[in-house]
Amino acid sequence: MLTLTNATGLDLCLACVGAYLLKQVFNKLKNPAYPPGPPGWPLIGNVLDMPHIKPWLTFTEWGKKYGHMSHIEVLGQHIVVLNSVETAMDMLDSKSAIYSDRPIFPVGGKLIGWENVMTLLPYGDRLRRQRKNFHSVIGTRAAVGKYSQVEEVETHRFLKRVFTKPDQLQAHVRHTAGAIILRISHGYEVKENNDPFVDIADRAVEQWSRATAPGAFMADVVPFLVKVPEWFPGAGFKRVAREWHDTLEEMVSGPYKFVVDQMAAGIAPESFTSKLLRGSPLSKEDEHIVKWSAATLYAGASDTTVATINSFFLAMTLFPDVQKKAQAEIDAVVGPDRLPSFTDQGSLPYIEAVAKETLRWHTVIPTGFPHCASEDDIHDGYYIPKGSMVLPNIWFMLNDPERYANPSQFNPERFLANDGKKPETEPRTICFGFGRRICPAIHFAEASTWLSIAMSLAVFDISKAVENGIEITPEVDPSLGTISHPKPFKCSIKPRSSKAVALIEQDANY
């Protein structure tokens, strides 16, 4: 016999199930069907289907089964995955007025504080002002060109570090990316070892990548959990969020205070931040916009560039024929007596193709940053409710065999017109995002990637490491998180010649 308490609980469960089913029936009568996708369960929907490990691979399987657009519902949150470039452009570009918002991340955005960076800002005035700041400083190739000397000097210093300690490649890549972007964003010249601003950025962006990955915290799916006290069982995420908030605050405020202090002393070099702070007195809101605009540049560029340059060295280790062809072009155009510079870019089409293939071959942001529908929409006959999270599966778009022949192969020639064959799709139209949320630092990212590739290939031979007489073949295994890095790998990096050594050892100063 059921007790009163049990009966009440059972009635409540039945009522909830009934309400859910009625809601589903009502929605189906009221609106066209959602895009196809894995069938869900009552109440919990597709919570068991949401992938947490390499979600882009699961999304790709959904694409094969359900088509260019698939749908799941996780505890009331609608998620639409796009597996087609054309669909992504139709929705996120052509309907950008609807699909330019961002979903709320209760933990990564609210508790930790990443909601203030441009990447996660909701569509509105603050976003427009931050993007305007970016455009004024690095929004065009001409604007980025003003920093060419910074990039060339710091990349030359990178060559010196790699020559001296080639077994610490990944650390040198990260140090150099930080040196370049901090010089541009805050006019700060990093210390050669253990620089505090580089170190804090490393920690903060690694935490950012983990905190904003799909399904990172249960509280992102069940938002009311953010209200439970830290001591409550299962609320350990709140302690993590508090610690990561402190890291983020240190990363944002430290370099900003450096600029403010230097400007007060009259010794601040021109930078992204100092340029925006000069002029008429700023309100607290204005200062907030400048501070977080600079932090977005500082954090975003330092991590994505690191992933791209590391993937280039991995590719050269695995595809020696590409390396030889690229070096032959540099030798013919630049010669052995100087390093390549930005002035050579138009004369090195194969190096340009290597840079494009680097962006395609390792997808730095595999599932993109999620867009959010700001109103109901009917697209391609399917119903997309307001508030839906829309994820472009950028990994698949850059590995679609119908768009890229043998996509797992690192083949720069796919971007060159040969024997009447048209080049394959430009990866820049995909890997930097879509619509009004496209990466505002696209020109800076492309310039940094090209220069690192050209200078490195001019002076180094990159090959598989040998241990105990056995070649070590690196594994191609991208890391998890919003920003994906190649798995740490070993390789051999040696100067190509005595002339290459001489070029490396030349002074590299501003």
Protein backbone atom coordinates (compact mmCIF):
# COMPACT_ATOMS: atom_id res chain seq x y z
CA MET A 1 0.00 0.00 0.00
CA LEU A 2 1.24 3.45 -0.87
CA THR A 3 1.75 5.85 2.00
CA LEU A 4 0.44 9.38 1.71
CA THR A 5 4.01 10.64 1.23
CA ASN A 6 4.75 8.12 -1.51
CA ALA A 7 1.45 8.79 -3.19
CA THR A 8 2.11 12.51 -3.15
CA GLY A 9 5.57 11.99 -4.64
CA LEU A 10 4.19 9.66 -7.32
CA ASP A 11 1.43 12.11 -8.17
CA LEU A 12 3.99 14.89 -8.47
CA CYS A 13 6.18 12.82 -10.81
CA LEU A 14 3.17 11.86 -12.94
CA ALA A 15 2.06 15.48 -13.05
CA CYS A 16 5.55 16.59 -14.16
CA VAL A 17 5.70 13.93 -16.86
CA GLY A 18 2.19 14.84 -18.00
CA ALA A 19 3.04 18.55 -18.13
CA TYR A 20 6.20 17.82 -20.11
CA LEU A 21 4.34 15.64 -22.61
CA LEU A 22 1.56 18.21 -22.97
CA LYS A 23 4.16 20.90 -23.59
CA GLN A 24 5.81 18.77 -26.28
CA VAL A 25 2.46 18.09 -27.96
CA PHE A 26 1.53 21.77 -27.79
CA ASN A 27 4.85 22.84 -29.28
CA LYS A 28 4.50 20.34 -32.10
CA LEU A 29 1.02 21.59 -32.89
CA LYS A 30 2.09 25.22 -32.66
CA ASN A 31 5.39 25.10 -34.54
CA PRO A 32 7.16 23.10 -37.25
CA ALA A 33 9.39 20.27 -36.06
CA TYR A 34 12.79 20.82 -34.52
CA PRO A 35 15.74 19.73 -36.65
CA PRO A 36 16.30 15.95 -36.46
CA GLY A 37 18.52 14.51 -33.77
CA PRO A 38 18.94 11.78 -31.16
CA PRO A 39 15.63 10.92 -29.46
CA GLY A 40 15.46 12.23 -25.91
CA TRP A 41 13.86 11.07 -22.67
CA PRO A 42 10.96 12.66 -20.80
CA LEU A 43 12.05 15.41 -18.38
CA ILE A 44 15.81 15.05 -18.94
CA GLY A 45 15.67 15.26 -22.74
CA ASN A 46 19.07 14.48 -24.29
CA VAL A 47 21.19 15.03 -21.20
CA LEU A 48 22.75 11.57 -21.69
CA ASP A 49 23.57 12.32 -25.34
CA MET A 50 25.56 15.51 -24.72
CA PRO A 51 29.21 14.63 -25.41
CA HIS A 52 31.98 15.82 -23.10
CA ILE A 53 35.04 14.24 -24.77
CA LYS A 54 35.88 15.57 -28.25
CA PRO A 55 32.28 16.67 -28.89
CA TRP A 56 33.13 17.61 -32.50
CA LEU A 57 33.47 13.90 -33.34
CA THR A 58 30.03 13.10 -31.89
CA PHE A 59 28.57 16.10 -33.72
CA THR A 60 30.12 14.80 -36.94
CA GLU A 61 28.40 11.42 -36.43
CA TRP A 62 25.12 13.25 -35.89
CA GLY A 63 25.72 15.08 -39.16
CA LYS A 64 26.16 11.80 -41.01
CA LYS A 65 22.96 10.43 -39.51
CA TYR A 66 20.68 13.46 -39.33
CA GLY A 67 22.02 15.88 -41.95
CA HIS A 68 23.48 19.38 -41.98
CA MET A 69 21.50 20.51 -38.91
CA SER A 70 20.79 18.42 -35.81
CA HIS A 71 19.03 19.18 -32.53
CA ILE A 72 19.01 18.02 -28.93
CA GLU A 73 17.32 19.35 -25.79
CA VAL A 74 19.15 19.19 -22.47
CA LEU A 75 16.91 19.96 -19.49
CA GLY A 76 15.01 22.56 -21.49
CA GLN A 77 18.06 24.04 -23.29
CA HIS A 78 17.76 23.60 -27.05
CA ILE A 79 21.07 22.97 -28.83
CA VAL A 80 21.40 23.06 -32.61
CA VAL A 81 24.57 21.74 -34.24
CA LEU A 82 25.54 22.88 -37.74
CA ASN A 83 27.63 20.52 -39.86
CA SER A 84 27.53 22.51 -43.09
CA VAL A 85 29.41 25.66 -44.09
CA GLU A 86 26.48 26.73 -46.24
CA THR A 87 23.99 26.32 -43.38
CA ALA A 88 26.30 28.17 -40.98
CA MET A 89 26.55 31.07 -43.41
CA ASP A 90 22.81 31.06 -44.12
CA MET A 91 22.01 31.25 -40.41
CA LEU A 92 24.91 33.01 -38.71
CA ASP A 93 25.85 35.39 -41.54
CA SER A 94 22.66 36.04 -43.49
CA LYS A 95 20.48 36.04 -40.34
CA SER A 96 23.05 37.68 -38.10
CA ALA A 97 20.37 39.96 -36.61
CA ILE A 98 18.91 36.83 -34.97
CA TYR A 99 22.00 34.70 -34.34
CA SER A 100 24.58 37.16 -32.95
CA ASP A 101 23.85 36.73 -29.25
CA ARG A 102 25.76 34.50 -26.85
CA PRO A 103 24.30 32.01 -24.36
CA ILE A 104 24.84 32.65 -20.66
CA PHE A 105 27.51 30.54 -18.96
CA PRO A 106 26.45 30.56 -15.27
CA VAL A 107 29.86 29.36 -14.07
CA GLY A 108 32.44 30.44 -16.66
CA GLY A 109 30.65 33.66 -17.50
CA LYS A 110 28.93 34.81 -14.31
CA LEU A 111 30.86 33.30 -11.40
CA ILE A 112 34.34 33.40 -12.93
CA GLY A 113 33.79 36.63 -14.85
CA TRP A 114 34.57 35.76 -18.48
CA GLU A 115 31.23 37.32 -19.46
CA ASN A 116 33.13 40.63 -19.71
CA VAL A 117 35.43 39.56 -22.54
CA MET A 118 34.19 40.36 -26.01
CA THR A 119 33.92 36.70 -26.95
CA LEU A 120 31.11 36.06 -24.45
CA LEU A 121 29.44 39.49 -24.33
CA PRO A 122 25.75 39.47 -25.23
CA TYR A 123 24.92 41.32 -28.40
CA GLY A 124 24.55 44.98 -27.50
CA ASP A 125 26.31 48.26 -26.84
CA ARG A 126 29.29 46.89 -24.92
CA LEU A 127 30.01 44.40 -27.67
CA ARG A 128 29.78 47.06 -30.37
CA ARG A 129 32.14 49.35 -28.44
CA GLN A 130 34.70 46.63 -27.85
CA ARG A 131 34.63 45.61 -31.51
CA LYS A 132 35.02 49.27 -32.48
CA ASN A 133 38.12 49.44 -30.26
CA PHE A 134 39.55 46.37 -31.97
CA HIS A 135 38.81 47.70 -35.43
CA SER A 136 40.50 51.02 -34.73
CA VAL A 137 43.75 49.35 -33.66
CA ILE A 138 44.05 45.96 -35.44
CA GLY A 139 40.91 45.73 -37.57
CA THR A 140 42.62 46.02 -40.96
CA ARG A 141 45.81 44.71 -42.56
CA ALA A 142 47.13 48.28 -42.66
CA ALA A 143 46.50 48.72 -38.93
CA VAL A 144 48.21 45.41 -38.12
CA GLY A 145 51.12 46.48 -40.34
CA LYS A 146 52.01 49.17 -37.81
CA TYR A 147 53.14 46.41 -35.49
CA SER A 148 55.24 44.54 -38.06
CA GLN A 149 58.50 45.52 -36.36
CA VAL A 150 57.26 44.19 -33.02
CA GLU A 151 56.34 40.88 -34.60
CA GLU A 152 59.58 40.56 -36.57
CA VAL A 153 61.81 41.36 -33.57
CA GLU A 154 59.97 39.02 -31.20
CA THR A 155 59.85 36.20 -33.77
CA HIS A 156 63.60 36.61 -34.32
CA ARG A 157 64.05 36.30 -30.55
CA PHE A 158 61.95 33.14 -30.76
CA LEU A 159 64.46 31.68 -33.22
CA LYS A 160 67.25 32.39 -30.73
CA ARG A 161 65.40 30.63 -27.92
CA VAL A 162 64.65 27.58 -30.04
CA PHE A 163 68.27 27.41 -31.23
CA THR A 164 69.53 27.54 -27.64
CA LYS A 165 66.99 25.12 -26.12
CA PRO A 166 65.16 23.25 -28.90
CA ASP A 167 63.70 20.74 -26.44
CA GLN A 168 61.57 23.51 -24.90
CA LEU A 169 59.73 24.42 -28.11
CA GLN A 170 56.24 24.66 -26.61
CA ALA A 171 57.44 26.98 -23.84
CA HIS A 172 59.20 29.21 -26.41
CA VAL A 173 56.05 29.38 -28.55
CA ARG A 174 53.95 30.46 -25.57
CA HIS A 175 56.54 32.98 -24.36
CA THR A 176 56.81 34.58 -27.80
CA ALA A 177 53.05 34.79 -28.33
CA GLY A 178 52.77 36.53 -24.95
CA ALA A 179 55.67 38.87 -25.76
CA ILE A 180 54.11 39.97 -29.05
CA ILE A 181 50.59 40.48 -27.80
CA LEU A 182 51.57 42.20 -24.53
CA ARG A 183 53.75 44.64 -26.48
CA ILE A 184 50.79 45.44 -28.73
CA SER A 185 48.01 45.37 -26.12
CA HIS A 186 49.76 47.10 -23.20
CA GLY A 187 53.16 48.32 -24.42
CA TYR A 188 54.80 45.87 -22.04
CA GLU A 189 58.12 44.17 -22.83
CA VAL A 190 58.22 40.74 -21.23
CA LYS A 191 61.06 39.40 -19.11
CA GLU A 192 63.13 36.64 -20.66
CA ASN A 193 62.20 34.15 -17.93
CA ASN A 194 59.22 33.69 -15.62
CA ASP A 195 57.41 36.83 -16.69
CA PRO A 196 54.46 37.40 -14.32
CA PHE A 197 52.05 38.64 -16.99
CA VAL A 198 52.81 35.74 -19.34
CA ASP A 199 52.50 33.23 -16.50
CA ILE A 200 49.15 34.56 -15.27
CA ALA A 201 47.79 34.63 -18.82
CA ASP A 202 48.82 31.00 -19.29
CA ARG A 203 46.82 29.99 -16.23
CA ALA A 204 43.82 32.16 -17.02
CA VAL A 205 43.35 31.09 -20.64
CA GLU A 206 43.80 27.43 -19.74
CA GLN A 207 41.04 27.87 -17.17
CA TRP A 208 38.93 29.76 -19.73
CA SER A 209 39.22 26.89 -22.18
CA ARG A 210 38.06 24.40 -19.56
CA ALA A 211 35.32 26.61 -18.10
CA THR A 212 33.60 27.38 -21.42
CA ALA A 213 33.76 23.92 -23.01
CA PRO A 214 30.33 22.38 -23.73
CA GLY A 215 29.01 20.73 -20.55
CA ALA A 216 31.97 21.86 -18.44
CA PHE A 217 29.87 22.30 -15.28
CA MET A 218 26.51 20.81 -14.32
CA ALA A 219 25.51 24.30 -13.15
CA ASP A 220 25.70 25.45 -16.79
CA VAL A 221 22.91 22.96 -17.53
CA VAL A 222 21.05 23.42 -14.22
CA PRO A 223 21.60 27.15 -13.47
CA PHE A 224 19.89 27.17 -10.05
CA LEU A 225 22.90 25.21 -8.71
CA VAL A 226 24.92 28.45 -8.71
CA LYS A 227 22.77 29.59 -5.77
CA VAL A 228 23.68 26.70 -3.46
CA PRO A 229 26.34 27.45 -0.79
CA GLU A 230 29.93 26.36 -1.36
CA TRP A 231 29.78 23.82 1.50
CA PHE A 232 26.80 22.02 -0.05
CA PRO A 233 27.60 18.50 -1.36
CA GLY A 234 28.41 18.69 -5.07
CA ALA A 235 29.07 22.45 -4.97
CA GLY A 236 32.85 22.14 -5.16
CA PHE A 237 32.64 23.95 -8.50
CA LYS A 238 32.01 27.18 -6.56
CA ARG A 239 35.42 26.96 -4.89
CA VAL A 240 37.01 26.36 -8.30
CA ALA A 241 35.07 29.31 -9.75
CA ARG A 242 36.22 31.60 -6.93
CA GLU A 243 39.88 30.66 -7.45
CA TRP A 244 39.59 31.06 -11.23
CA HIS A 245 37.84 34.41 -10.78
CA ASP A 246 40.86 35.65 -8.82
CA THR A 247 43.21 34.46 -11.58
CA LEU A 248 41.15 36.26 -14.22
CA GLU A 249 41.02 39.47 -12.20
CA GLU A 250 44.79 39.42 -11.81
CA MET A 251 45.27 38.84 -15.53
CA VAL A 252 42.99 41.74 -16.47
CA SER A 253 44.01 44.31 -13.85
CA GLY A 254 47.79 43.84 -13.71
CA PRO A 255 48.69 44.91 -17.27
CA TYR A 256 46.02 47.63 -17.24
CA LYS A 257 47.48 49.17 -14.07
CA PHE A 258 50.92 49.00 -15.69
CA VAL A 259 49.70 51.19 -18.57
CA VAL A 260 47.88 53.63 -16.30
CA ASP A 261 50.98 54.05 -14.11
CA GLN A 262 53.26 54.54 -17.11
CA MET A 263 50.92 57.12 -18.62
CA ALA A 264 50.84 59.00 -15.32
CA ALA A 265 54.65 59.03 -15.37
CA GLY A 266 54.68 60.18 -19.02
CA ILE A 267 56.70 57.17 -20.22
CA ALA A 268 54.05 54.89 -21.74
CA PRO A 269 54.87 53.60 -25.24
CA GLU A 270 52.01 53.55 -27.73
CA SER A 271 49.84 50.47 -27.36
CA PHE A 272 46.26 49.29 -27.84
CA THR A 273 45.43 50.37 -24.26
CA SER A 274 47.31 53.68 -24.13
CA LYS A 275 45.79 54.76 -27.43
CA LEU A 276 42.28 54.15 -26.10
CA LEU A 277 42.98 55.87 -22.77
CA ARG A 278 44.38 59.08 -24.26
CA GLY A 279 42.13 62.06 -24.85
CA SER A 280 39.13 63.28 -22.90
CA PRO A 281 38.45 61.96 -19.36
CA LEU A 282 36.81 58.54 -19.35
CA SER A 283 33.81 57.44 -17.32
CA LYS A 284 33.94 54.24 -15.29
CA GLU A 285 32.02 52.51 -18.08
CA ASP A 286 34.54 53.77 -20.65
CA GLU A 287 37.42 52.46 -18.52
CA HIS A 288 35.65 49.11 -18.14
CA ILE A 289 35.32 48.84 -21.92
CA VAL A 290 39.01 49.69 -22.51
CA LYS A 291 40.24 47.36 -19.76
CA TRP A 292 38.30 44.36 -21.00
CA SER A 293 38.93 45.11 -24.67
CA ALA A 294 42.67 44.91 -23.96
CA ALA A 295 42.18 41.76 -21.87
CA THR A 296 40.27 40.13 -24.73
CA LEU A 297 43.14 40.84 -27.12
CA TYR A 298 45.76 39.76 -24.58
CA ALA A 299 44.04 36.48 -23.61
CA GLY A 300 42.55 35.48 -26.95
CA ALA A 301 45.51 36.05 -29.23
CA SER A 302 48.06 34.57 -26.85
CA ASP A 303 46.34 31.18 -26.65
CA THR A 304 45.01 30.66 -30.17
CA THR A 305 48.33 31.67 -31.74
CA VAL A 306 50.16 29.22 -29.49
CA ALA A 307 47.94 26.35 -30.65
CA THR A 308 48.43 27.26 -34.31
CA ILE A 309 52.23 27.58 -34.20
CA ASN A 310 52.60 24.33 -32.26
CA SER A 311 50.46 22.56 -34.84
CA PHE A 312 52.74 23.92 -37.59
CA PHE A 313 55.81 22.35 -35.96
CA LEU A 314 53.88 19.10 -35.55
CA ALA A 315 52.95 19.12 -39.23
CA MET A 316 56.53 19.75 -40.34
CA THR A 317 57.65 16.83 -38.19
CA LEU A 318 55.16 14.51 -39.88
CA PHE A 319 55.27 15.85 -43.46
CA PRO A 320 58.94 16.43 -44.43
CA ASP A 321 58.21 16.77 -48.16
CA VAL A 322 56.10 19.86 -47.47
CA GLN A 323 58.93 21.34 -45.43
CA LYS A 324 61.48 20.80 -48.21
CA LYS A 325 59.26 22.43 -50.81
CA ALA A 326 58.59 25.42 -48.56
CA GLN A 327 62.29 25.87 -47.82
CA ALA A 328 63.12 25.69 -51.53
CA GLU A 329 60.74 28.60 -52.16
CA ILE A 330 62.32 30.67 -49.36
CA ASP A 331 65.82 29.92 -50.65
CA ALA A 332 64.87 30.98 -54.18
CA VAL A 333 63.06 34.20 -53.23
CA VAL A 334 64.72 35.40 -50.01
CA GLY A 335 68.12 33.73 -50.24
CA PRO A 336 70.44 32.68 -47.40
CA ASP A 337 71.68 36.11 -46.33
CA ARG A 338 68.62 37.50 -44.50
CA LEU A 339 65.48 36.40 -42.72
CA PRO A 340 62.08 36.62 -44.42
CA SER A 341 59.98 39.64 -43.51
CA PHE A 342 56.45 40.81 -44.19
CA THR A 343 57.68 42.52 -47.36
CA ASP A 344 58.22 39.04 -48.84
CA GLN A 345 54.70 37.82 -48.22
CA GLY A 346 53.38 38.42 -51.72
CA SER A 347 56.37 36.61 -53.26
CA LEU A 348 56.00 33.40 -51.26
CA PRO A 349 52.74 31.74 -52.37
CA TYR A 350 53.69 28.28 -51.10
CA ILE A 351 54.47 29.65 -47.62
CA GLU A 352 51.09 31.39 -47.73
CA ALA A 353 49.51 28.03 -48.58
CA VAL A 354 51.37 26.36 -45.69
CA ALA A 355 49.92 28.99 -43.33
CA LYS A 356 46.41 28.34 -44.65
CA GLU A 357 46.82 24.59 -44.31
CA THR A 358 48.07 25.03 -40.74
CA LEU A 359 44.82 26.84 -39.87
CA ARG A 360 42.78 24.07 -41.53
CA TRP A 361 44.70 20.96 -40.43
CA HIS A 362 44.48 21.65 -36.69
CA THR A 363 41.18 23.28 -35.74
CA VAL A 364 41.94 25.60 -32.84
CA ILE A 365 38.28 26.10 -31.84
CA PRO A 366 36.64 22.83 -32.98
CA THR A 367 33.03 23.64 -32.09
CA GLY A 368 33.34 27.40 -32.41
CA PHE A 369 31.96 29.75 -29.79
CA PRO A 370 28.24 29.11 -29.42
CA HIS A 371 25.77 31.56 -30.89
CA CYS A 372 22.34 32.10 -29.36
CA ALA A 373 19.04 32.77 -31.11
CA SER A 374 17.59 36.05 -29.86
CA GLU A 375 14.13 35.23 -31.24
CA ASP A 376 12.19 32.30 -32.68
CA ASP A 377 13.17 31.35 -36.21
CA ILE A 378 12.12 28.94 -38.92
CA HIS A 379 15.14 27.82 -40.91
CA ASP A 380 15.04 25.35 -43.77
CA GLY A 381 11.58 24.34 -42.51
CA TYR A 382 12.76 23.63 -38.95
CA TYR A 383 11.81 25.45 -35.78
CA ILE A 384 14.67 27.11 -33.83
CA PRO A 385 13.24 28.45 -30.53
CA LYS A 386 14.43 31.69 -28.97
CA GLY A 387 17.36 31.01 -26.64
CA SER A 388 18.62 28.03 -28.63
CA MET A 389 22.37 27.50 -28.50
CA VAL A 390 23.77 27.15 -32.03
CA LEU A 391 27.13 25.38 -32.38
CA PRO A 392 28.99 25.39 -35.72
CA ASN A 393 31.01 22.16 -35.96
CA ILE A 394 34.05 23.93 -37.38
CA TRP A 395 36.21 20.81 -37.04
CA PHE A 396 34.03 18.91 -39.48
CA MET A 397 33.69 21.87 -41.83
CA LEU A 398 37.51 21.95 -42.14
CA ASN A 399 37.71 18.14 -42.47
CA ASP A 400 34.76 17.53 -44.76
CA PRO A 401 36.06 15.13 -47.48
CA GLU A 402 33.61 16.61 -49.98
CA ARG A 403 35.29 20.00 -49.50
CA TYR A 404 38.90 18.99 -48.75
CA ALA A 405 40.50 16.00 -50.49
CA ASN A 406 42.19 13.64 -47.98
CA PRO A 407 41.58 16.07 -45.10
CA SER A 408 43.89 14.30 -42.62
CA GLN A 409 46.84 15.00 -44.92
CA PHE A 410 48.77 18.25 -44.53
CA ASN A 411 48.72 19.40 -48.14
CA PRO A 412 49.28 23.14 -48.81
CA GLU A 413 48.88 22.61 -52.57
CA ARG A 414 45.15 22.27 -52.04
CA PHE A 415 45.12 26.09 -51.83
CA LEU A 416 47.09 26.68 -55.04
CA ALA A 417 45.63 26.71 -58.54
CA ASN A 418 47.48 23.99 -60.48
CA ASP A 419 46.80 22.48 -63.90
CA GLY A 420 43.44 24.17 -64.16
CA LYS A 421 42.35 22.87 -60.73
CA LYS A 422 40.66 25.45 -58.54
CA PRO A 423 41.94 25.95 -55.00
CA GLU A 424 39.90 24.38 -52.23
CA THR A 425 37.83 26.49 -49.83
CA GLU A 426 39.75 29.19 -47.95
CA PRO A 427 39.91 28.06 -44.29
CA ARG A 428 39.79 31.69 -43.09
CA THR A 429 36.11 31.79 -44.15
CA ILE A 430 35.42 29.03 -41.60
CA CYS A 431 37.99 28.87 -38.79
CA PHE A 432 37.54 32.45 -37.54
CA GLY A 433 33.79 32.11 -37.01
CA PHE A 434 30.72 33.57 -38.67
CA GLY A 435 28.54 36.64 -38.88
CA ARG A 436 28.85 39.56 -36.49
CA ARG A 437 30.84 37.38 -34.06
CA ILE A 438 33.70 36.67 -36.45
CA CYS A 439 37.11 36.99 -34.77
CA PRO A 440 38.06 40.71 -34.82
CA ALA A 441 41.78 39.85 -34.66
CA ILE A 442 41.75 37.81 -37.86
CA HIS A 443 44.40 39.94 -39.62
CA PHE A 444 46.72 39.82 -36.61
CA ALA A 445 46.33 36.03 -36.31
CA GLU A 446 47.11 35.49 -39.99
CA ALA A 447 50.14 37.79 -39.89
CA SER A 448 51.60 36.13 -36.78
CA THR A 449 51.12 32.66 -38.22
CA TRP A 450 52.69 33.53 -41.57
CA LEU A 451 55.76 35.21 -40.07
CA SER A 452 56.47 32.40 -37.58
CA ILE A 453 56.25 29.84 -40.38
CA ALA A 454 58.44 31.77 -42.83
CA MET A 455 61.18 32.64 -40.32
CA SER A 456 61.28 29.16 -38.77
CA LEU A 457 61.53 27.36 -42.11
CA ALA A 458 64.25 29.75 -43.28
CA VAL A 459 66.69 28.64 -40.57
CA PHE A 460 65.54 25.31 -39.11
CA ASP A 461 65.19 21.71 -40.24
CA ILE A 462 62.35 20.09 -38.29
CA SER A 463 62.18 16.30 -38.06
CA LYS A 464 61.21 13.38 -35.85
CA ALA A 465 63.16 13.03 -32.62
CA VAL A 466 65.35 9.96 -32.23
CA GLU A 467 65.75 8.22 -28.88
CA ASN A 468 67.92 5.11 -28.43
CA GLY A 469 68.21 4.86 -32.20
CA ILE A 470 64.41 4.81 -32.71
CA GLU A 471 62.43 7.56 -34.44
CA ILE A 472 59.52 8.88 -32.39
CA THR A 473 56.43 9.57 -34.47
CA PRO A 474 54.26 12.19 -32.73
CA GLU A 475 50.60 11.45 -32.18
CA VAL A 476 47.98 13.72 -33.72
CA ASP A 477 45.64 14.05 -30.76
CA PRO A 478 44.02 17.45 -30.11
CA SER A 479 43.33 18.44 -26.52
CA LEU A 480 39.92 19.01 -25.00
CA GLY A 481 38.45 22.41 -24.15
CA THR A 482 37.07 25.36 -26.07
CA ILE A 483 40.56 26.01 -27.46
CA SER A 484 42.28 22.87 -28.69
CA HIS A 485 46.06 22.40 -28.65
CA PRO A 486 48.12 19.61 -30.18
CA LYS A 487 49.09 16.95 -27.68
CA PRO A 488 52.65 17.71 -26.40
CA PHE A 489 55.15 16.12 -28.75
CA LYS A 490 58.89 15.71 -29.27
CA CYS A 491 60.71 16.75 -32.42
CA SER A 492 64.23 17.53 -33.58
CA ILE A 493 64.99 21.15 -34.50
CA LYS A 494 68.41 21.93 -35.97
CA PRO A 495 69.88 24.89 -37.89
CA ARG A 496 69.94 24.31 -41.63
CA SER A 497 73.49 25.64 -42.10
CA SER A 498 76.23 27.83 -40.66
CA LYS A 499 74.62 30.78 -42.47
CA ALA A 500 71.35 29.98 -40.73
CA VAL A 501 73.17 30.06 -37.38
CA ALA A 502 74.60 33.48 -38.27
CA LEU A 503 71.13 34.81 -39.07
CA ILE A 504 69.72 33.47 -35.82
CA GLU A 505 72.50 35.02 -33.76
CA GLN A 506 72.16 38.51 -35.26
CA ASP A 507 70.92 41.19 -32.89
CA ALA A 508 67.13 41.35 -32.59
CA ASN A 509 66.22 44.70 -31.08
CA TYR A 510 63.61 47.41 -31.57
